[in-house]
Amino acid sequence: MIKLLQTLSRVLSGYASLFVIAAALVTFFYPSIFQWVSGNAQTVILGAIMLTMGLTLSTQDFKIVLSRPWDIFIGACAQFIIMPSVAYLLTKVFHLPVEIALGILLVGCCPGGVSSNIMSFLCHGDVAFSVGMTCASTMLAPVVTPMLLVWTAGQSVDIDAVGMFKNILIVTILPVSLGTLLNYYLSKKPVFGTVKTLMPGVSVICLAMIVGGVVSTIHEDLVRGGLMLFLWIFVVVLCHNTLGYLIGFFVGKLFRFSLPKKRTISIEVGMQNAGLATNLASNFFMATYPLAVVPCAISCVWHSISGAILAGIFSAYDRLRGVKYDK
């Protein structure tokens, strides 16, 4: 039975994007399936995702942050300067209405995505640097994300910065800390090692439920807006994500990073924790700006797809050129 579950977990993590897309499509036609995924239920599910991240972290990962402060500082600055700035510019270029703009800004102001470490590994990036960046941006998120949102959207929307601080603390820092502590004290137990192998699949299922819950909640708005609304928002999400990858890579080039580190900072900057953005949009803006959650939900799906595509491009480049390098 355990081997079956482990195989299922590997399949789900390997085809995460397809599984999340399938959940979104099924929910669009049968919106009642995930209607229960809202409010506290959504917060608990996102907390479970962050817990799985914590279970992968060890004291060695935090030593990385301390041993490479300059790299991590550059990465964190790039993360929290590039993506909010690009999001803000896109809201102006596309003349987005307030609620759509709010969703894009939410994604831009969030920390790096939890699956970015996997993508860095797949493209022969600097995985230690990736883990360090993810840790740093996640730890900074309770303070930095609300602050950035006030700066970028505060003139148009009333932002509950204190409420967001508490929410991000609950759904990110606490579960990540709990997972890290469990990993520290139980890592040598065989049963715990088995449980950890199931966590990637659990994380994918939780992400699919969050996306399904969002689609269920905004189903009527999507139907009224039609295909053009979806395509319009998707183009903005695509531009935001792609520019994040490109500018992130350029930052690595600017600071003369090695090729693996350039790839890593590109992926770390471009891939956002859109699940957290979705949770914030649902908890703080759903009543007043229901469509704000749409860019967040689309980003949940697209960032996973684009990250896998980019990792594949980097790997294909290595195969074609026979590139060999040292980290």
C-alpha atoms as a PDB file:
ATOM      1  CA  MET A   1       0.000   0.000   0.000  1.00  0.00           C
ATOM      2  CA  ILE A   2       2.806   2.423   0.904  1.00  0.00           C
ATOM      3  CA  LYS A   3       4.602   1.740  -2.382  1.00  0.00           C
ATOM      4  CA  LEU A   4       1.378   2.449  -4.268  1.00  0.00           C
ATOM      5  CA  LEU A   5       0.987   5.771  -2.455  1.00  0.00           C
ATOM      6  CA  GLN A   6       4.628   6.654  -3.128  1.00  0.00           C
ATOM      7  CA  THR A   7       4.160   5.899  -6.831  1.00  0.00           C
ATOM      8  CA  LEU A   8       1.006   8.017  -6.862  1.00  0.00           C
ATOM      9  CA  SER A   9       2.892  10.864  -5.169  1.00  0.00           C
ATOM     10  CA  ARG A  10       5.648  10.721  -7.814  1.00  0.00           C
ATOM     11  CA  VAL A  11       3.102  10.731 -10.632  1.00  0.00           C
ATOM     12  CA  LEU A  12       1.220  13.685  -9.148  1.00  0.00           C
ATOM     13  CA  SER A  13       4.395  15.704  -8.620  1.00  0.00           C
ATOM     14  CA  GLY A  14       5.643  14.831 -12.100  1.00  0.00           C
ATOM     15  CA  TYR A  15       2.402  15.930 -13.740  1.00  0.00           C
ATOM     16  CA  ALA A  16       1.400  18.607 -11.233  1.00  0.00           C
ATOM     17  CA  SER A  17       0.403  21.190 -13.843  1.00  0.00           C
ATOM     18  CA  LEU A  18      -1.834  18.781 -15.740  1.00  0.00           C
ATOM     19  CA  PHE A  19      -3.501  17.678 -12.512  1.00  0.00           C
ATOM     20  CA  VAL A  20      -4.188  21.267 -11.412  1.00  0.00           C
ATOM     21  CA  ILE A  21      -5.517  22.186 -14.872  1.00  0.00           C
ATOM     22  CA  ALA A  22      -7.788  19.137 -14.799  1.00  0.00           C
ATOM     23  CA  ALA A  23      -9.113  20.144 -11.374  1.00  0.00           C
ATOM     24  CA  ALA A  24      -9.845  23.666 -12.662  1.00  0.00           C
ATOM     25  CA  LEU A  25     -11.648  22.385 -15.782  1.00  0.00           C
ATOM     26  CA  VAL A  26     -13.741  19.846 -13.887  1.00  0.00           C
ATOM     27  CA  THR A  27     -14.696  22.484 -11.311  1.00  0.00           C
ATOM     28  CA  PHE A  28     -15.703  24.924 -14.051  1.00  0.00           C
ATOM     29  CA  PHE A  29     -18.292  22.443 -15.325  1.00  0.00           C
ATOM     30  CA  TYR A  30     -19.192  21.086 -11.860  1.00  0.00           C
ATOM     31  CA  PRO A  31     -18.635  24.080  -9.524  1.00  0.00           C
ATOM     32  CA  SER A  32     -20.238  22.429  -6.503  1.00  0.00           C
ATOM     33  CA  ILE A  33     -17.310  19.985  -6.091  1.00  0.00           C
ATOM     34  CA  PHE A  34     -14.987  22.450  -4.367  1.00  0.00           C
ATOM     35  CA  GLN A  35     -17.458  24.974  -2.954  1.00  0.00           C
ATOM     36  CA  TRP A  36     -16.328  23.975   0.530  1.00  0.00           C
ATOM     37  CA  VAL A  37     -12.776  25.198  -0.177  1.00  0.00           C
ATOM     38  CA  SER A  38     -13.088  28.763   1.070  1.00  0.00           C
ATOM     39  CA  GLY A  39     -12.361  30.820   4.174  1.00  0.00           C
ATOM     40  CA  ASN A  40     -10.781  28.789   6.968  1.00  0.00           C
ATOM     41  CA  ALA A  41     -10.736  25.595   4.886  1.00  0.00           C
ATOM     42  CA  GLN A  42      -8.635  27.294   2.219  1.00  0.00           C
ATOM     43  CA  THR A  43      -6.276  28.688   4.865  1.00  0.00           C
ATOM     44  CA  VAL A  44      -5.776  25.215   6.384  1.00  0.00           C
ATOM     45  CA  ILE A  45      -5.085  23.708   2.949  1.00  0.00           C
ATOM     46  CA  LEU A  46      -2.509  26.379   2.100  1.00  0.00           C
ATOM     47  CA  GLY A  47      -0.952  25.808   5.523  1.00  0.00           C
ATOM     48  CA  ALA A  48      -0.663  22.115   4.626  1.00  0.00           C
ATOM     49  CA  ILE A  49       1.266  23.052   1.460  1.00  0.00           C
ATOM     50  CA  MET A  50       3.649  25.199   3.466  1.00  0.00           C
ATOM     51  CA  LEU A  51       4.007  22.387   6.021  1.00  0.00           C
ATOM     52  CA  THR A  52       5.213  20.078   3.242  1.00  0.00           C
ATOM     53  CA  MET A  53       7.801  22.719   2.371  1.00  0.00           C
ATOM     54  CA  GLY A  54       8.948  22.850   5.989  1.00  0.00           C
ATOM     55  CA  LEU A  55       9.343  19.079   6.073  1.00  0.00           C
ATOM     56  CA  THR A  56      11.981  19.349   3.348  1.00  0.00           C
ATOM     57  CA  LEU A  57      14.040  21.956   5.219  1.00  0.00           C
ATOM     58  CA  SER A  58      16.897  21.160   7.567  1.00  0.00           C
ATOM     59  CA  THR A  59      19.290  23.180   9.681  1.00  0.00           C
ATOM     60  CA  GLN A  60      21.743  22.904   6.783  1.00  0.00           C
ATOM     61  CA  ASP A  61      19.336  24.875   4.585  1.00  0.00           C
ATOM     62  CA  PHE A  62      19.262  27.736   7.078  1.00  0.00           C
ATOM     63  CA  LYS A  63      23.058  27.614   7.318  1.00  0.00           C
ATOM     64  CA  ILE A  64      23.063  28.272   3.568  1.00  0.00           C
ATOM     65  CA  VAL A  65      21.270  31.565   4.168  1.00  0.00           C
ATOM     66  CA  LEU A  66      23.890  32.567   6.746  1.00  0.00           C
ATOM     67  CA  SER A  67      26.875  31.324   4.737  1.00  0.00           C
ATOM     68  CA  ARG A  68      25.860  33.066   1.489  1.00  0.00           C
ATOM     69  CA  PRO A  69      24.414  36.384   2.676  1.00  0.00           C
ATOM     70  CA  TRP A  70      25.388  38.377  -0.426  1.00  0.00           C
ATOM     71  CA  ASP A  71      23.778  35.921  -2.844  1.00  0.00           C
ATOM     72  CA  ILE A  72      20.622  35.699  -0.738  1.00  0.00           C
ATOM     73  CA  PHE A  73      20.462  39.482  -0.318  1.00  0.00           C
ATOM     74  CA  ILE A  74      20.672  40.012  -4.091  1.00  0.00           C
ATOM     75  CA  GLY A  75      18.059  37.309  -4.665  1.00  0.00           C
ATOM     76  CA  ALA A  76      15.625  38.686  -2.072  1.00  0.00           C
ATOM     77  CA  CYS A  77      15.984  42.236  -3.414  1.00  0.00           C
ATOM     78  CA  ALA A  78      15.408  40.989  -6.961  1.00  0.00           C
ATOM     79  CA  GLN A  79      12.359  39.007  -5.808  1.00  0.00           C
ATOM     80  CA  PHE A  80      10.653  41.870  -4.009  1.00  0.00           C
ATOM     81  CA  ILE A  81      11.655  44.659  -6.406  1.00  0.00           C
ATOM     82  CA  ILE A  82      11.253  43.122  -9.860  1.00  0.00           C
ATOM     83  CA  MET A  83       7.925  41.317  -9.547  1.00  0.00           C
ATOM     84  CA  PRO A  84       5.948  44.097  -7.782  1.00  0.00           C
ATOM     85  CA  SER A  85       7.422  46.691 -10.166  1.00  0.00           C
ATOM     86  CA  VAL A  86       6.614  44.659 -13.278  1.00  0.00           C
ATOM     87  CA  ALA A  87       3.101  43.984 -11.946  1.00  0.00           C
ATOM     88  CA  TYR A  88       2.530  47.692 -11.335  1.00  0.00           C
ATOM     89  CA  LEU A  89       3.769  48.632 -14.825  1.00  0.00           C
ATOM     90  CA  LEU A  90       1.542  45.997 -16.444  1.00  0.00           C
ATOM     91  CA  THR A  91      -1.538  47.348 -14.659  1.00  0.00           C
ATOM     92  CA  LYS A  92      -0.798  50.714 -16.290  1.00  0.00           C
ATOM     93  CA  VAL A  93       0.160  49.397 -19.740  1.00  0.00           C
ATOM     94  CA  PHE A  94      -2.951  47.198 -19.996  1.00  0.00           C
ATOM     95  CA  HIS A  95      -5.180  49.797 -18.262  1.00  0.00           C
ATOM     96  CA  LEU A  96      -6.499  47.084 -15.962  1.00  0.00           C
ATOM     97  CA  PRO A  97      -9.628  47.687 -13.878  1.00  0.00           C
ATOM     98  CA  VAL A  98      -9.035  47.891 -10.142  1.00  0.00           C
ATOM     99  CA  GLU A  99      -9.963  44.334  -9.182  1.00  0.00           C
ATOM    100  CA  ILE A 100      -7.911  42.665 -11.950  1.00  0.00           C
ATOM    101  CA  ALA A 101      -4.978  44.973 -11.197  1.00  0.00           C
ATOM    102  CA  LEU A 102      -5.264  44.066  -7.519  1.00  0.00           C
ATOM    103  CA  GLY A 103      -4.925  40.358  -8.337  1.00  0.00           C
ATOM    104  CA  ILE A 104      -1.792  40.918 -10.456  1.00  0.00           C
ATOM    105  CA  LEU A 105      -0.262  43.100  -7.741  1.00  0.00           C
ATOM    106  CA  LEU A 106      -1.013  40.456  -5.115  1.00  0.00           C
ATOM    107  CA  VAL A 107       0.885  37.845  -7.119  1.00  0.00           C
ATOM    108  CA  GLY A 108       3.758  40.280  -7.662  1.00  0.00           C
ATOM    109  CA  CYS A 109       4.111  41.122  -3.977  1.00  0.00           C
ATOM    110  CA  CYS A 110       4.189  37.511  -2.740  1.00  0.00           C
ATOM    111  CA  PRO A 111       7.357  35.491  -2.019  1.00  0.00           C
ATOM    112  CA  GLY A 112       8.856  32.864  -4.317  1.00  0.00           C
ATOM    113  CA  GLY A 113       6.926  29.711  -5.169  1.00  0.00           C
ATOM    114  CA  VAL A 114       7.484  26.492  -3.234  1.00  0.00           C
ATOM    115  CA  SER A 115       8.043  24.423  -6.400  1.00  0.00           C
ATOM    116  CA  SER A 116      10.895  26.642  -7.642  1.00  0.00           C
ATOM    117  CA  ASN A 117      13.422  24.408  -5.838  1.00  0.00           C
ATOM    118  CA  ILE A 118      12.298  21.418  -7.909  1.00  0.00           C
ATOM    119  CA  MET A 119      12.599  23.418 -11.132  1.00  0.00           C
ATOM    120  CA  SER A 120      16.126  24.548 -10.170  1.00  0.00           C
ATOM    121  CA  PHE A 121      17.105  20.929  -9.612  1.00  0.00           C
ATOM    122  CA  LEU A 122      15.652  19.826 -12.954  1.00  0.00           C
ATOM    123  CA  CYS A 123      17.592  22.465 -14.941  1.00  0.00           C
ATOM    124  CA  HIS A 124      20.937  21.890 -13.154  1.00  0.00           C
ATOM    125  CA  GLY A 125      20.644  25.139 -11.240  1.00  0.00           C
ATOM    126  CA  ASP A 126      22.123  25.959  -7.852  1.00  0.00           C
ATOM    127  CA  VAL A 127      19.617  24.133  -5.624  1.00  0.00           C
ATOM    128  CA  ALA A 128      21.190  25.331  -2.372  1.00  0.00           C
ATOM    129  CA  PHE A 129      20.849  28.930  -3.594  1.00  0.00           C
ATOM    130  CA  SER A 130      17.229  28.215  -4.596  1.00  0.00           C
ATOM    131  CA  VAL A 131      16.370  26.836  -1.156  1.00  0.00           C
ATOM    132  CA  GLY A 132      18.080  29.810   0.503  1.00  0.00           C
ATOM    133  CA  MET A 133      16.131  32.305  -1.618  1.00  0.00           C
ATOM    134  CA  THR A 134      12.821  30.551  -0.958  1.00  0.00           C
ATOM    135  CA  CYS A 135      13.512  30.493   2.798  1.00  0.00           C
ATOM    136  CA  ALA A 136      14.499  34.159   2.867  1.00  0.00           C
ATOM    137  CA  SER A 137      11.554  35.453   0.819  1.00  0.00           C
ATOM    138  CA  THR A 138       9.069  33.321   2.785  1.00  0.00           C
ATOM    139  CA  MET A 139      10.423  34.553   6.127  1.00  0.00           C
ATOM    140  CA  LEU A 140      10.253  38.173   4.932  1.00  0.00           C
ATOM    141  CA  ALA A 141       6.764  37.820   3.440  1.00  0.00           C
ATOM    142  CA  PRO A 142       4.636  38.649   6.535  1.00  0.00           C
ATOM    143  CA  VAL A 143       6.176  42.138   6.652  1.00  0.00           C
ATOM    144  CA  VAL A 144       7.239  42.806   3.057  1.00  0.00           C
ATOM    145  CA  THR A 145       4.161  41.557   1.163  1.00  0.00           C
ATOM    146  CA  PRO A 146       1.587  43.777   2.952  1.00  0.00           C
ATOM    147  CA  MET A 147       3.998  46.731   2.807  1.00  0.00           C
ATOM    148  CA  LEU A 148       4.531  46.349  -0.944  1.00  0.00           C
ATOM    149  CA  LEU A 149       0.800  45.973  -1.539  1.00  0.00           C
ATOM    150  CA  VAL A 150       0.109  49.197   0.366  1.00  0.00           C
ATOM    151  CA  TRP A 151       2.692  50.987  -1.785  1.00  0.00           C
ATOM    152  CA  THR A 152       1.444  49.625  -5.113  1.00  0.00           C
ATOM    153  CA  ALA A 153      -2.321  49.386  -4.564  1.00  0.00           C
ATOM    154  CA  GLY A 154      -3.006  51.444  -1.432  1.00  0.00           C
ATOM    155  CA  GLN A 155      -4.090  54.509  -3.404  1.00  0.00           C
ATOM    156  CA  SER A 156      -6.884  52.580  -5.117  1.00  0.00           C
ATOM    157  CA  VAL A 157      -7.834  49.932  -2.554  1.00  0.00           C
ATOM    158  CA  ASP A 158      -8.128  49.843   1.231  1.00  0.00           C
ATOM    159  CA  ILE A 159      -5.411  47.420   2.392  1.00  0.00           C
ATOM    160  CA  ASP A 160      -5.634  45.693   5.775  1.00  0.00           C
ATOM    161  CA  ALA A 161      -1.862  45.392   6.245  1.00  0.00           C
ATOM    162  CA  VAL A 162      -2.083  44.168   9.858  1.00  0.00           C
ATOM    163  CA  GLY A 163      -4.641  41.518   8.942  1.00  0.00           C
ATOM    164  CA  MET A 164      -2.464  40.361   6.058  1.00  0.00           C
ATOM    165  CA  PHE A 165       0.568  40.192   8.332  1.00  0.00           C
ATOM    166  CA  LYS A 166      -1.313  37.880  10.696  1.00  0.00           C
ATOM    167  CA  ASN A 167      -2.708  35.781   7.842  1.00  0.00           C
ATOM    168  CA  ILE A 168       0.677  35.292   6.153  1.00  0.00           C
ATOM    169  CA  LEU A 169       2.230  34.474   9.516  1.00  0.00           C
ATOM    170  CA  ILE A 170      -0.374  31.776  10.111  1.00  0.00           C
ATOM    171  CA  VAL A 171      -0.291  30.195   6.641  1.00  0.00           C
ATOM    172  CA  THR A 172       3.456  30.415   5.972  1.00  0.00           C
ATOM    173  CA  ILE A 173       5.780  30.937   8.934  1.00  0.00           C
ATOM    174  CA  LEU A 174       3.995  28.723  11.465  1.00  0.00           C
ATOM    175  CA  PRO A 175       3.531  25.616   9.239  1.00  0.00           C
ATOM    176  CA  VAL A 176       7.019  25.976   7.716  1.00  0.00           C
ATOM    177  CA  SER A 177       8.497  26.249  11.219  1.00  0.00           C
ATOM    178  CA  LEU A 178       6.493  23.238  12.414  1.00  0.00           C
ATOM    179  CA  GLY A 179       7.614  21.183   9.415  1.00  0.00           C
ATOM    180  CA  THR A 180      11.239  22.160   9.983  1.00  0.00           C
ATOM    181  CA  LEU A 181      11.060  21.202  13.662  1.00  0.00           C
ATOM    182  CA  LEU A 182       9.486  17.838  12.803  1.00  0.00           C
ATOM    183  CA  ASN A 183      12.227  17.224  10.249  1.00  0.00           C
ATOM    184  CA  TYR A 184      14.898  18.118  12.821  1.00  0.00           C
ATOM    185  CA  TYR A 185      13.600  15.820  15.572  1.00  0.00           C
ATOM    186  CA  LEU A 186      12.179  12.935  13.529  1.00  0.00           C
ATOM    187  CA  SER A 187      14.407  12.807  10.426  1.00  0.00           C
ATOM    188  CA  LYS A 188      16.215   9.646  11.589  1.00  0.00           C
ATOM    189  CA  LYS A 189      12.999   7.662  12.043  1.00  0.00           C
ATOM    190  CA  PRO A 190      12.194   5.391   9.051  1.00  0.00           C
ATOM    191  CA  VAL A 191       8.460   6.076   9.289  1.00  0.00           C
ATOM    192  CA  PHE A 192       9.056   9.806   9.008  1.00  0.00           C
ATOM    193  CA  GLY A 193      11.179   9.263   5.913  1.00  0.00           C
ATOM    194  CA  THR A 194       8.314   7.338   4.346  1.00  0.00           C
ATOM    195  CA  VAL A 195       5.851  10.111   5.199  1.00  0.00           C
ATOM    196  CA  LYS A 196       8.130  12.691   3.541  1.00  0.00           C
ATOM    197  CA  THR A 197       8.057  10.750   0.260  1.00  0.00           C
ATOM    198  CA  LEU A 198       4.270  11.207   0.173  1.00  0.00           C
ATOM    199  CA  MET A 199       4.380  14.965   0.742  1.00  0.00           C
ATOM    200  CA  PRO A 200       4.915  16.061  -2.910  1.00  0.00           C
ATOM    201  CA  GLY A 201       1.669  14.356  -3.886  1.00  0.00           C
ATOM    202  CA  VAL A 202      -0.146  15.871  -0.913  1.00  0.00           C
ATOM    203  CA  SER A 203       1.122  19.313  -1.914  1.00  0.00           C
ATOM    204  CA  VAL A 204      -0.177  18.918  -5.489  1.00  0.00           C
ATOM    205  CA  ILE A 205      -3.590  17.717  -4.280  1.00  0.00           C
ATOM    206  CA  CYS A 206      -3.829  20.685  -1.895  1.00  0.00           C
ATOM    207  CA  LEU A 207      -2.911  23.141  -4.668  1.00  0.00           C
ATOM    208  CA  ALA A 208      -5.531  21.581  -6.945  1.00  0.00           C
ATOM    209  CA  MET A 209      -8.149  21.974  -4.206  1.00  0.00           C
ATOM    210  CA  ILE A 210      -7.258  25.661  -3.740  1.00  0.00           C
ATOM    211  CA  VAL A 211      -7.549  26.327  -7.480  1.00  0.00           C
ATOM    212  CA  GLY A 212     -10.778  24.330  -7.599  1.00  0.00           C
ATOM    213  CA  GLY A 213     -12.192  26.336  -4.697  1.00  0.00           C
ATOM    214  CA  VAL A 214     -11.343  29.608  -6.443  1.00  0.00           C
ATOM    215  CA  VAL A 215     -12.915  28.490  -9.730  1.00  0.00           C
ATOM    216  CA  SER A 216     -16.017  27.438  -7.833  1.00  0.00           C
ATOM    217  CA  THR A 217     -16.266  30.802  -6.072  1.00  0.00           C
ATOM    218  CA  ILE A 218     -15.802  32.939  -9.183  1.00  0.00           C
ATOM    219  CA  HIS A 219     -17.646  30.608 -11.572  1.00  0.00           C
ATOM    220  CA  GLU A 220     -20.497  33.019 -12.241  1.00  0.00           C
ATOM    221  CA  ASP A 221     -18.125  35.936 -12.851  1.00  0.00           C
ATOM    222  CA  LEU A 222     -16.112  33.850 -15.311  1.00  0.00           C
ATOM    223  CA  VAL A 223     -19.241  32.790 -17.171  1.00  0.00           C
ATOM    224  CA  ARG A 224     -20.418  36.393 -17.432  1.00  0.00           C
ATOM    225  CA  GLY A 225     -16.988  37.618 -18.548  1.00  0.00           C
ATOM    226  CA  GLY A 226     -16.566  34.848 -21.099  1.00  0.00           C
ATOM    227  CA  LEU A 227     -13.474  33.638 -22.921  1.00  0.00           C
ATOM    228  CA  MET A 228     -12.164  37.125 -23.663  1.00  0.00           C
ATOM    229  CA  LEU A 229     -11.909  37.984 -19.965  1.00  0.00           C
ATOM    230  CA  PHE A 230      -9.923  34.814 -19.318  1.00  0.00           C
ATOM    231  CA  LEU A 231      -7.595  35.411 -22.276  1.00  0.00           C
ATOM    232  CA  TRP A 232      -7.055  39.049 -21.310  1.00  0.00           C
ATOM    233  CA  ILE A 233      -6.037  38.113 -17.764  1.00  0.00           C
ATOM    234  CA  PHE A 234      -3.916  35.205 -18.999  1.00  0.00           C
ATOM    235  CA  VAL A 235      -1.918  37.496 -21.310  1.00  0.00           C
ATOM    236  CA  VAL A 236      -1.134  39.793 -18.363  1.00  0.00           C
ATOM    237  CA  VAL A 237      -0.133  36.803 -16.179  1.00  0.00           C
ATOM    238  CA  LEU A 238       2.033  35.481 -19.031  1.00  0.00           C
ATOM    239  CA  CYS A 239       3.803  38.841 -19.432  1.00  0.00           C
ATOM    240  CA  HIS A 240       4.357  39.174 -15.672  1.00  0.00           C
ATOM    241  CA  ASN A 241       5.783  35.683 -15.303  1.00  0.00           C
ATOM    242  CA  THR A 242       7.962  35.810 -18.447  1.00  0.00           C
ATOM    243  CA  LEU A 243       9.422  39.228 -17.643  1.00  0.00           C
ATOM    244  CA  GLY A 244      10.240  37.914 -14.160  1.00  0.00           C
ATOM    245  CA  TYR A 245      12.269  35.078 -15.681  1.00  0.00           C
ATOM    246  CA  LEU A 246      14.070  37.353 -18.148  1.00  0.00           C
ATOM    247  CA  ILE A 247      14.896  40.181 -15.725  1.00  0.00           C
ATOM    248  CA  GLY A 248      15.893  37.681 -13.033  1.00  0.00           C
ATOM    249  CA  PHE A 249      18.380  36.086 -15.440  1.00  0.00           C
ATOM    250  CA  PHE A 250      19.690  39.545 -16.356  1.00  0.00           C
ATOM    251  CA  VAL A 251      20.273  40.319 -12.659  1.00  0.00           C
ATOM    252  CA  GLY A 252      22.367  37.160 -12.400  1.00  0.00           C
ATOM    253  CA  LYS A 253      24.330  38.274 -15.446  1.00  0.00           C
ATOM    254  CA  LEU A 254      24.767  41.766 -13.992  1.00  0.00           C
ATOM    255  CA  PHE A 255      26.303  40.363 -10.804  1.00  0.00           C
ATOM    256  CA  ARG A 256      28.446  37.859 -12.738  1.00  0.00           C
ATOM    257  CA  PHE A 257      26.734  34.785 -11.289  1.00  0.00           C
ATOM    258  CA  SER A 258      27.670  31.348 -12.572  1.00  0.00           C
ATOM    259  CA  LEU A 259      25.324  29.749 -15.119  1.00  0.00           C
ATOM    260  CA  PRO A 260      23.566  27.561 -12.496  1.00  0.00           C
ATOM    261  CA  LYS A 261      22.999  30.609 -10.268  1.00  0.00           C
ATOM    262  CA  LYS A 262      21.668  32.654 -13.202  1.00  0.00           C
ATOM    263  CA  ARG A 263      19.138  29.926 -13.916  1.00  0.00           C
ATOM    264  CA  THR A 264      18.162  29.701 -10.280  1.00  0.00           C
ATOM    265  CA  ILE A 265      17.608  33.419  -9.737  1.00  0.00           C
ATOM    266  CA  SER A 266      15.619  33.526 -12.980  1.00  0.00           C
ATOM    267  CA  ILE A 267      13.292  30.773 -11.771  1.00  0.00           C
ATOM    268  CA  GLU A 268      13.098  32.099  -8.212  1.00  0.00           C
ATOM    269  CA  VAL A 269      12.137  35.600  -9.366  1.00  0.00           C
ATOM    270  CA  GLY A 270       9.644  34.465 -12.015  1.00  0.00           C
ATOM    271  CA  MET A 271       7.794  31.818  -9.994  1.00  0.00           C
ATOM    272  CA  GLN A 272       5.620  33.302  -7.261  1.00  0.00           C
ATOM    273  CA  ASN A 273       3.685  31.745  -4.380  1.00  0.00           C
ATOM    274  CA  ALA A 274       0.397  32.299  -6.198  1.00  0.00           C
ATOM    275  CA  GLY A 275      -1.348  29.986  -3.738  1.00  0.00           C
ATOM    276  CA  LEU A 276      -0.669  32.535  -1.009  1.00  0.00           C
ATOM    277  CA  ALA A 277      -1.887  35.335  -3.302  1.00  0.00           C
ATOM    278  CA  THR A 278      -5.081  33.355  -3.915  1.00  0.00           C
ATOM    279  CA  ASN A 279      -5.621  32.933  -0.191  1.00  0.00           C
ATOM    280  CA  LEU A 280      -5.096  36.658   0.472  1.00  0.00           C
ATOM    281  CA  ALA A 281      -7.452  37.625  -2.351  1.00  0.00           C
ATOM    282  CA  SER A 282     -10.133  35.259  -1.048  1.00  0.00           C
ATOM    283  CA  ASN A 283      -9.852  36.355   2.578  1.00  0.00           C
ATOM    284  CA  PHE A 284      -9.426  40.101   2.150  1.00  0.00           C
ATOM    285  CA  PHE A 285     -10.939  41.160  -1.187  1.00  0.00           C
ATOM    286  CA  MET A 286     -13.520  38.588  -2.290  1.00  0.00           C
ATOM    287  CA  ALA A 287     -16.507  40.524  -0.961  1.00  0.00           C
ATOM    288  CA  THR A 288     -15.572  43.828  -2.604  1.00  0.00           C
ATOM    289  CA  TYR A 289     -13.392  42.774  -5.543  1.00  0.00           C
ATOM    290  CA  PRO A 290     -14.332  39.166  -6.455  1.00  0.00           C
ATOM    291  CA  LEU A 291     -12.383  39.148  -9.736  1.00  0.00           C
ATOM    292  CA  ALA A 292      -9.117  39.929  -7.912  1.00  0.00           C
ATOM    293  CA  VAL A 293      -8.741  36.228  -7.242  1.00  0.00           C
ATOM    294  CA  VAL A 294      -8.814  35.283 -10.955  1.00  0.00           C
ATOM    295  CA  PRO A 295      -5.238  36.386 -11.839  1.00  0.00           C
ATOM    296  CA  CYS A 296      -4.040  34.604  -8.683  1.00  0.00           C
ATOM    297  CA  ALA A 297      -5.750  31.337  -9.670  1.00  0.00           C
ATOM    298  CA  ILE A 298      -4.464  31.526 -13.251  1.00  0.00           C
ATOM    299  CA  SER A 299      -0.968  32.216 -11.896  1.00  0.00           C
ATOM    300  CA  CYS A 300      -1.230  29.128  -9.653  1.00  0.00           C
ATOM    301  CA  VAL A 301      -1.547  26.972 -12.745  1.00  0.00           C
ATOM    302  CA  TRP A 302       0.610  28.867 -15.230  1.00  0.00           C
ATOM    303  CA  HIS A 303       3.669  29.368 -13.018  1.00  0.00           C
ATOM    304  CA  SER A 304       3.966  25.605 -12.532  1.00  0.00           C
ATOM    305  CA  ILE A 305       3.642  25.016 -16.276  1.00  0.00           C
ATOM    306  CA  SER A 306       6.060  27.771 -17.295  1.00  0.00           C
ATOM    307  CA  GLY A 307       8.598  26.754 -14.648  1.00  0.00           C
ATOM    308  CA  ALA A 308       8.639  23.218 -16.014  1.00  0.00           C
ATOM    309  CA  ILE A 309       8.938  24.550 -19.579  1.00  0.00           C
ATOM    310  CA  LEU A 310      11.844  26.844 -18.662  1.00  0.00           C
ATOM    311  CA  ALA A 311      13.651  24.052 -16.797  1.00  0.00           C
ATOM    312  CA  GLY A 312      13.196  21.884 -19.891  1.00  0.00           C
ATOM    313  CA  ILE A 313      14.632  24.606 -22.148  1.00  0.00           C
ATOM    314  CA  PHE A 314      17.696  25.005 -19.932  1.00  0.00           C
ATOM    315  CA  SER A 315      18.245  21.231 -19.853  1.00  0.00           C
ATOM    316  CA  ALA A 316      17.788  20.946 -23.627  1.00  0.00           C
ATOM    317  CA  TYR A 317      20.386  23.689 -24.101  1.00  0.00           C
ATOM    318  CA  ASP A 318      22.872  21.667 -22.052  1.00  0.00           C
ATOM    319  CA  ARG A 319      22.228  18.536 -24.087  1.00  0.00           C
ATOM    320  CA  LEU A 320      22.550  20.304 -27.437  1.00  0.00           C
ATOM    321  CA  ARG A 321      25.718  22.225 -26.547  1.00  0.00           C
ATOM    322  CA  GLY A 322      27.289  19.607 -24.318  1.00  0.00           C
ATOM    323  CA  VAL A 323      27.651  22.290 -21.643  1.00  0.00           C
ATOM    324  CA  LYS A 324      29.583  21.348 -18.524  1.00  0.00           C
ATOM    325  CA  TYR A 325      30.137  23.750 -15.676  1.00  0.00           C
ATOM    326  CA  ASP A 326      30.982  23.934 -11.979  1.00  0.00           C
ATOM    327  CA  LYS A 327      28.677  25.439  -9.415  1.00  0.00           C
END
